[in-house]
PDB file of N, CA and C in Angstrom:
ATOM      1  N   UNK A   1      79.460  77.159 132.602  1.00  0.00           N
ATOM      2  CA  UNK A   1      79.676  78.605 132.714  1.00  0.00           C
ATOM      3  C   UNK A   1      78.580  79.217 133.581  1.00  0.00           C
ATOM      4  N   UNK A   2      79.002  80.095 134.418  1.00  0.00           N
ATOM      5  CA  UNK A   2      78.045  80.770 135.277  1.00  0.00           C
ATOM      6  C   UNK A   2      77.572  82.058 134.603  1.00  0.00           C
ATOM      7  N   UNK A   3      76.617  82.664 135.180  1.00  0.00           N
ATOM      8  CA  UNK A   3      76.087  83.917 134.642  1.00  0.00           C
ATOM      9  C   UNK A   3      77.105  85.037 134.664  1.00  0.00           C
ATOM     10  N   UNK A   4      77.969  85.033 135.674  1.00  0.00           N
ATOM     11  CA  UNK A   4      79.004  86.051 135.784  1.00  0.00           C
ATOM     12  C   UNK A   4      80.037  85.949 134.679  1.00  0.00           C
ATOM     13  N   UNK A   5      80.402  84.723 134.322  1.00  0.00           N
ATOM     14  CA  UNK A   5      81.362  84.529 133.232  1.00  0.00           C
ATOM     15  C   UNK A   5      80.781  84.970 131.894  1.00  0.00           C
ATOM     16  N   UNK A   6      79.528  84.657 131.678  1.00  0.00           N
ATOM     17  CA  UNK A   6      78.862  85.071 130.439  1.00  0.00           C
ATOM     18  C   UNK A   6      78.776  86.586 130.366  1.00  0.00           C
ATOM     19  N   UNK A   7      78.445  87.216 131.483  1.00  0.00           N
ATOM     20  CA  UNK A   7      78.368  88.679 131.514  1.00  0.00           C
ATOM     21  C   UNK A   7      79.734  89.302 131.239  1.00  0.00           C
ATOM     22  N   UNK A   8      80.789  88.703 131.784  1.00  0.00           N
ATOM     23  CA  UNK A   8      82.140  89.205 131.546  1.00  0.00           C
ATOM     24  C   UNK A   8      82.514  89.094 130.068  1.00  0.00           C
ATOM     25  N   UNK A   9      82.178  88.001 129.428  1.00  0.00           N
ATOM     26  CA  UNK A   9      82.449  87.821 128.003  1.00  0.00           C
ATOM     27  C   UNK A   9      81.679  88.836 127.178  1.00  0.00           C
ATOM     28  N   UNK A  10      80.433  89.070 127.524  1.00  0.00           N
ATOM     29  CA  UNK A  10      79.607  90.041 126.791  1.00  0.00           C
ATOM     30  C   UNK A  10      80.176  91.447 126.946  1.00  0.00           C
ATOM     31  N   UNK A  11      80.599  91.814 128.145  1.00  0.00           N
ATOM     32  CA  UNK A  11      81.164  93.142 128.383  1.00  0.00           C
ATOM     33  C   UNK A  11      82.479  93.302 127.616  1.00  0.00           C
ATOM     34  N   UNK A  12      83.323  92.280 127.626  1.00  0.00           N
ATOM     35  CA  UNK A  12      84.596  92.341 126.904  1.00  0.00           C
ATOM     36  C   UNK A  12      84.361  92.466 125.402  1.00  0.00           C
ATOM     37  N   UNK A  13      83.420  91.705 124.869  1.00  0.00           N
ATOM     38  CA  UNK A  13      83.111  91.775 123.439  1.00  0.00           C
ATOM     39  C   UNK A  13      82.540  93.142 123.075  1.00  0.00           C
ATOM     40  N   UNK A  14      81.698  93.700 123.921  1.00  0.00           N
ATOM     41  CA  UNK A  14      81.128  95.024 123.660  1.00  0.00           C
ATOM     42  C   UNK A  14      82.227  96.084 123.684  1.00  0.00           C
ATOM     43  N   UNK A  15      83.197  95.936 124.562  1.00  0.00           N
ATOM     44  CA  UNK A  15      84.310  96.880 124.622  1.00  0.00           C
ATOM     45  C   UNK A  15      85.120  96.838 123.333  1.00  0.00           C
ATOM     46  N   UNK A  16      85.425  95.641 122.860  1.00  0.00           N
ATOM     47  CA  UNK A  16      86.199  95.495 121.625  1.00  0.00           C
ATOM     48  C   UNK A  16      85.440  96.080 120.443  1.00  0.00           C
ATOM     49  N   UNK A  17      84.168  95.783 120.338  1.00  0.00           N
ATOM     50  CA  UNK A  17      83.354  96.325 119.247  1.00  0.00           C
ATOM     51  C   UNK A  17      83.284  97.849 119.350  1.00  0.00           C
ATOM     52  N   UNK A  18      83.176  98.376 120.551  1.00  0.00           N
ATOM     53  CA  UNK A  18      83.145  99.827 120.743  1.00  0.00           C
ATOM     54  C   UNK A  18      84.429 100.498 120.294  1.00  0.00           C
ATOM     55  N   UNK A  19      85.564  99.898 120.609  1.00  0.00           N
ATOM     56  CA  UNK A  19      86.852 100.461 120.201  1.00  0.00           C
ATOM     57  C   UNK A  19      86.982 100.442 118.682  1.00  0.00           C
ATOM     58  N   UNK A  20      86.568  99.343 118.053  1.00  0.00           N
ATOM     59  CA  UNK A  20      86.635  99.253 116.592  1.00  0.00           C
ATOM     60  C   UNK A  20      85.762 100.319 115.943  1.00  0.00           C
ATOM     61  N   UNK A  21      84.564 100.493 116.433  1.00  0.00           N
ATOM     62  CA  UNK A  21      83.662 101.516 115.880  1.00  0.00           C
ATOM     63  C   UNK A  21      84.231 102.909 116.106  1.00  0.00           C
ATOM     64  N   UNK A  22      84.785 103.167 117.279  1.00  0.00           N
ATOM     65  CA  UNK A  22      85.378 104.473 117.587  1.00  0.00           C
ATOM     66  C   UNK A  22      86.509 104.791 116.624  1.00  0.00           C
ATOM     67  N   UNK A  23      87.391 103.800 116.372  1.00  0.00           N
ATOM     68  CA  UNK A  23      88.513 104.011 115.443  1.00  0.00           C
ATOM     69  C   UNK A  23      88.015 104.241 114.018  1.00  0.00           C
ATOM     70  N   UNK A  24      86.959 103.561 113.617  1.00  0.00           N
ATOM     71  CA  UNK A  24      86.398 103.751 112.274  1.00  0.00           C
ATOM     72  C   UNK A  24      85.825 105.154 112.132  1.00  0.00           C
ATOM     73  N   UNK A  25      85.150 105.637 113.158  1.00  0.00           N
ATOM     74  CA  UNK A  25      84.590 106.990 113.120  1.00  0.00           C
ATOM     75  C   UNK A  25      85.704 108.020 113.024  1.00  0.00           C
ATOM     76  N   UNK A  26      86.773 107.853 113.809  1.00  0.00           N
ATOM     77  CA  UNK A  26      87.899 108.779 113.738  1.00  0.00           C
ATOM     78  C   UNK A  26      88.529 108.766 112.348  1.00  0.00           C
ATOM     79  N   UNK A  27      88.658 107.592 111.759  1.00  0.00           N
ATOM     80  CA  UNK A  27      89.254 107.494 110.434  1.00  0.00           C
ATOM     81  C   UNK A  27      88.370 108.164 109.385  1.00  0.00           C
ATOM     82  N   UNK A  28      87.060 107.979 109.501  1.00  0.00           N
ATOM     83  CA  UNK A  28      86.146 108.598 108.545  1.00  0.00           C
ATOM     84  C   UNK A  28      86.131 110.116 108.676  1.00  0.00           C
ATOM     85  N   UNK A  29      86.347 110.623 109.875  1.00  0.00           N
ATOM     86  CA  UNK A  29      86.399 112.069 110.094  1.00  0.00           C
ATOM     87  C   UNK A  29      87.759 112.656 109.742  1.00  0.00           C
ATOM     88  N   UNK A  30      88.732 111.803 109.440  1.00  0.00           N
ATOM     89  CA  UNK A  30      90.056 112.267 109.074  1.00  0.00           C
ATOM     90  C   UNK A  30      90.945 112.565 110.257  1.00  0.00           C
ATOM     91  N   UNK A  31      90.621 112.011 111.424  1.00  0.00           N
ATOM     92  CA  UNK A  31      91.406 112.261 112.623  1.00  0.00           C
ATOM     93  C   UNK A  31      92.100 110.991 113.097  1.00  0.00           C
ATOM     94  N   UNK A  32      92.421 110.111 112.166  1.00  0.00           N
ATOM     95  CA  UNK A  32      92.971 108.818 112.543  1.00  0.00           C
ATOM     96  C   UNK A  32      94.477 108.760 112.536  1.00  0.00           C
ATOM     97  N   UNK A  33      95.159 109.848 112.365  1.00  0.00           N
ATOM     98  CA  UNK A  33      96.612 109.832 112.329  1.00  0.00           C
ATOM     99  C   UNK A  33      97.101 110.455 111.034  1.00  0.00           C
ATOM    100  N   UNK A  34      98.361 110.285 110.741  1.00  0.00           N
ATOM    101  CA  UNK A  34      98.937 110.896 109.549  1.00  0.00           C
ATOM    102  C   UNK A  34      99.259 109.844 108.502  1.00  0.00           C
ATOM    103  N   UNK A  35      99.774 110.281 107.378  1.00  0.00           N
ATOM    104  CA  UNK A  35     100.082 109.372 106.286  1.00  0.00           C
ATOM    105  C   UNK A  35     101.359 108.575 106.500  1.00  0.00           C
ATOM    106  N   UNK A  36     102.161 108.947 107.478  1.00  0.00           N
ATOM    107  CA  UNK A  36     103.437 108.245 107.676  1.00  0.00           C
ATOM    108  C   UNK A  36     103.229 106.882 108.321  1.00  0.00           C
ATOM    109  N   UNK A  37     102.054 106.618 108.848  1.00  0.00           N
ATOM    110  CA  UNK A  37     101.756 105.318 109.412  1.00  0.00           C
ATOM    111  C   UNK A  37     102.035 105.189 110.897  1.00  0.00           C
ATOM    112  N   UNK A  38     102.517 106.257 111.512  1.00  0.00           N
ATOM    113  CA  UNK A  38     102.792 106.167 112.948  1.00  0.00           C
ATOM    114  C   UNK A  38     101.488 106.333 113.728  1.00  0.00           C
ATOM    115  N   UNK A  39     101.505 105.927 114.959  1.00  0.00           N
ATOM    116  CA  UNK A  39     100.295 106.038 115.766  1.00  0.00           C
ATOM    117  C   UNK A  39     100.275 107.322 116.584  1.00  0.00           C
ATOM    118  N   UNK A  40     101.435 107.930 116.808  1.00  0.00           N
ATOM    119  CA  UNK A  40     101.512 109.138 117.610  1.00  0.00           C
ATOM    120  C   UNK A  40     102.254 110.209 116.813  1.00  0.00           C
ATOM    121  N   UNK A  41     101.513 111.062 116.131  1.00  0.00           N
ATOM    122  CA  UNK A  41     102.132 112.042 115.238  1.00  0.00           C
ATOM    123  C   UNK A  41     102.922 113.108 115.990  1.00  0.00           C
ATOM    124  N   UNK A  42     102.666 113.312 117.245  1.00  0.00           N
ATOM    125  CA  UNK A  42     103.406 114.339 117.971  1.00  0.00           C
ATOM    126  C   UNK A  42     104.851 113.924 118.194  1.00  0.00           C
ATOM    127  N   UNK A  43     105.121 112.625 118.217  1.00  0.00           N
ATOM    128  CA  UNK A  43     106.474 112.155 118.431  1.00  0.00           C
ATOM    129  C   UNK A  43     107.177 111.732 117.155  1.00  0.00           C
ATOM    130  N   UNK A  44     106.498 111.842 116.027  1.00  0.00           N
ATOM    131  CA  UNK A  44     107.043 111.378 114.758  1.00  0.00           C
ATOM    132  C   UNK A  44     107.955 112.447 114.155  1.00  0.00           C
ATOM    133  N   UNK A  45     109.149 112.055 113.726  1.00  0.00           N
ATOM    134  CA  UNK A  45     110.097 113.015 113.166  1.00  0.00           C
ATOM    135  C   UNK A  45     109.587 113.612 111.860  1.00  0.00           C
ATOM    136  N   UNK A  46     108.973 112.802 111.018  1.00  0.00           N
ATOM    137  CA  UNK A  46     108.499 113.332 109.733  1.00  0.00           C
ATOM    138  C   UNK A  46     107.331 114.294 109.935  1.00  0.00           C
ATOM    139  N   UNK A  47     106.483 114.031 110.913  1.00  0.00           N
ATOM    140  CA  UNK A  47     105.363 114.936 111.170  1.00  0.00           C
ATOM    141  C   UNK A  47     105.847 116.219 111.843  1.00  0.00           C
ATOM    142  N   UNK A  48     106.861 116.141 112.682  1.00  0.00           N
ATOM    143  CA  UNK A  48     107.389 117.336 113.341  1.00  0.00           C
ATOM    144  C   UNK A  48     108.023 118.272 112.313  1.00  0.00           C
ATOM    145  N   UNK A  49     108.704 117.714 111.308  1.00  0.00           N
ATOM    146  CA  UNK A  49     109.314 118.570 110.290  1.00  0.00           C
ATOM    147  C   UNK A  49     108.254 119.202 109.402  1.00  0.00           C
ATOM    148  N   UNK A  50     107.143 118.512 109.182  1.00  0.00           N
ATOM    149  CA  UNK A  50     106.057 119.086 108.385  1.00  0.00           C
ATOM    150  C   UNK A  50     105.398 120.247 109.124  1.00  0.00           C
ATOM    151  N   UNK A  51     105.264 120.140 110.448  1.00  0.00           N
ATOM    152  CA  UNK A  51     104.617 121.175 111.242  1.00  0.00           C
ATOM    153  C   UNK A  51     105.465 122.449 111.288  1.00  0.00           C
ATOM    154  N   UNK A  52     106.788 122.306 111.250  1.00  0.00           N
ATOM    155  CA  UNK A  52     107.669 123.477 111.295  1.00  0.00           C
ATOM    156  C   UNK A  52     107.581 124.299 110.029  1.00  0.00           C
ATOM    157  N   UNK A  53     107.280 123.627 108.905  1.00  0.00           N
ATOM    158  CA  UNK A  53     107.192 124.334 107.636  1.00  0.00           C
ATOM    159  C   UNK A  53     105.934 125.086 107.592  1.00  0.00           C
TER     160      UNK A  53
END
């Protein structure tokens, strides 16, 4: 393995760890989505009906 390959692996691993930490922070702040389990609440039928009420 060359130095460039090692650097690429380190950058990729840091990106994955960063995304995981970011999602955990959003979940702890209560901004991780809704209770219906969908990933995009703006397009979810159950969330759209809740917003109208």
